[in-house]
Amino acid sequence: MKATDLRTKSVDDLGKELVELRKAQFSARMQISTQQSNKHDQLGKIQKDIARVKTILAEKASQA
């Protein structure tokens, strides 16, 4: 997920994207904790995507 792609989305779309990423983060955390998955790097990628979305949301809020 690129920041330039996120900047083209609306605030509502970014909110939906954030919710989906939070669900994916929870799912990945549960899979790792129950040892169903060993993809620890996936959790880091999801966290960075969440940070990107939150940053873009903050930028859009400060512009409005």
C-alpha atoms as a PDB file:
ATOM      1  CA  MET A   1       0.000   0.000   0.000  1.00  0.00           C
ATOM      2  CA  LYS A   2       1.477   3.300  -1.075  1.00  0.00           C
ATOM      3  CA  ALA A   3       0.831   6.671   0.518  1.00  0.00           C
ATOM      4  CA  THR A   4       0.141   8.211  -2.893  1.00  0.00           C
ATOM      5  CA  ASP A   5      -2.681   5.716  -3.428  1.00  0.00           C
ATOM      6  CA  LEU A   6      -4.128   6.538  -0.039  1.00  0.00           C
ATOM      7  CA  ARG A   7      -4.083  10.283  -0.680  1.00  0.00           C
ATOM      8  CA  THR A   8      -6.481   9.826  -3.613  1.00  0.00           C
ATOM      9  CA  LYS A   9      -9.087   8.140  -1.407  1.00  0.00           C
ATOM     10  CA  SER A  10     -11.821   9.957   0.487  1.00  0.00           C
ATOM     11  CA  VAL A  11     -11.991  10.174   4.273  1.00  0.00           C
ATOM     12  CA  ASP A  12     -14.815   7.604   4.366  1.00  0.00           C
ATOM     13  CA  ASP A  13     -12.799   5.146   2.265  1.00  0.00           C
ATOM     14  CA  LEU A  14      -9.790   5.655   4.517  1.00  0.00           C
ATOM     15  CA  GLY A  15     -11.943   4.970   7.559  1.00  0.00           C
ATOM     16  CA  LYS A  16     -13.162   1.720   6.031  1.00  0.00           C
ATOM     17  CA  GLU A  17      -9.596   0.787   5.120  1.00  0.00           C
ATOM     18  CA  LEU A  18      -8.514   1.429   8.707  1.00  0.00           C
ATOM     19  CA  VAL A  19     -11.243  -0.854  10.056  1.00  0.00           C
ATOM     20  CA  GLU A  20     -10.227  -3.623   7.643  1.00  0.00           C
ATOM     21  CA  LEU A  21      -6.587  -3.268   8.623  1.00  0.00           C
ATOM     22  CA  ARG A  22      -7.449  -3.421  12.333  1.00  0.00           C
ATOM     23  CA  LYS A  23      -9.403  -6.639  11.717  1.00  0.00           C
ATOM     24  CA  ALA A  24      -6.473  -8.077   9.772  1.00  0.00           C
ATOM     25  CA  GLN A  25      -4.124  -7.077  12.595  1.00  0.00           C
ATOM     26  CA  PHE A  26      -6.291  -8.811  15.180  1.00  0.00           C
ATOM     27  CA  SER A  27      -6.559 -11.922  13.036  1.00  0.00           C
ATOM     28  CA  ALA A  28      -2.804 -12.055  12.455  1.00  0.00           C
ATOM     29  CA  ARG A  29      -2.125 -11.588  16.161  1.00  0.00           C
ATOM     30  CA  MET A  30      -4.489 -14.414  17.078  1.00  0.00           C
ATOM     31  CA  GLN A  31      -2.978 -16.750  14.479  1.00  0.00           C
ATOM     32  CA  ILE A  32       0.517 -16.047  15.759  1.00  0.00           C
ATOM     33  CA  SER A  33      -0.477 -16.505  19.398  1.00  0.00           C
ATOM     34  CA  THR A  34      -2.219 -19.816  18.703  1.00  0.00           C
ATOM     35  CA  GLN A  35       0.722 -20.909  16.560  1.00  0.00           C
ATOM     36  CA  GLN A  36      -1.425 -21.337  13.453  1.00  0.00           C
ATOM     37  CA  SER A  37       0.902 -19.006  11.576  1.00  0.00           C
ATOM     38  CA  ASN A  38       4.583 -18.219  11.753  1.00  0.00           C
ATOM     39  CA  LYS A  39       4.467 -15.101   9.564  1.00  0.00           C
ATOM     40  CA  HIS A  40       5.598 -12.573  12.142  1.00  0.00           C
ATOM     41  CA  ASP A  41       6.633 -10.129   9.425  1.00  0.00           C
ATOM     42  CA  GLN A  42       3.010  -9.862   8.265  1.00  0.00           C
ATOM     43  CA  LEU A  43       2.070  -8.222  11.560  1.00  0.00           C
ATOM     44  CA  GLY A  44       4.704  -5.533  11.082  1.00  0.00           C
ATOM     45  CA  LYS A  45       3.497  -4.788   7.562  1.00  0.00           C
ATOM     46  CA  ILE A  46      -0.078  -4.413   8.763  1.00  0.00           C
ATOM     47  CA  GLN A  47       1.024  -2.064  11.544  1.00  0.00           C
ATOM     48  CA  LYS A  48       2.896   0.120   9.044  1.00  0.00           C
ATOM     49  CA  ASP A  49      -0.155   0.231   6.781  1.00  0.00           C
ATOM     50  CA  ILE A  50      -2.301   1.309   9.744  1.00  0.00           C
ATOM     51  CA  ALA A  51       0.196   4.066  10.502  1.00  0.00           C
ATOM     52  CA  ARG A  52       0.095   5.239   6.871  1.00  0.00           C
ATOM     53  CA  VAL A  53      -3.700   5.417   6.863  1.00  0.00           C
ATOM     54  CA  LYS A  54      -3.782   7.285  10.185  1.00  0.00           C
ATOM     55  CA  THR A  55      -1.161   9.744   8.924  1.00  0.00           C
ATOM     56  CA  ILE A  56      -3.151  10.483   5.758  1.00  0.00           C
ATOM     57  CA  LEU A  57      -6.325  10.909   7.826  1.00  0.00           C
ATOM     58  CA  ALA A  58      -4.519  13.411  10.067  1.00  0.00           C
ATOM     59  CA  GLU A  59      -3.243  15.304   7.021  1.00  0.00           C
ATOM     60  CA  LYS A  60      -6.746  15.527   5.567  1.00  0.00           C
ATOM     61  CA  ALA A  61      -8.155  16.668   8.905  1.00  0.00           C
ATOM     62  CA  SER A  62      -5.609  19.444   9.223  1.00  0.00           C
ATOM     63  CA  GLN A  63      -6.340  20.666   5.698  1.00  0.00           C
ATOM     64  CA  ALA A  64     -10.074  20.927   6.316  1.00  0.00           C
END
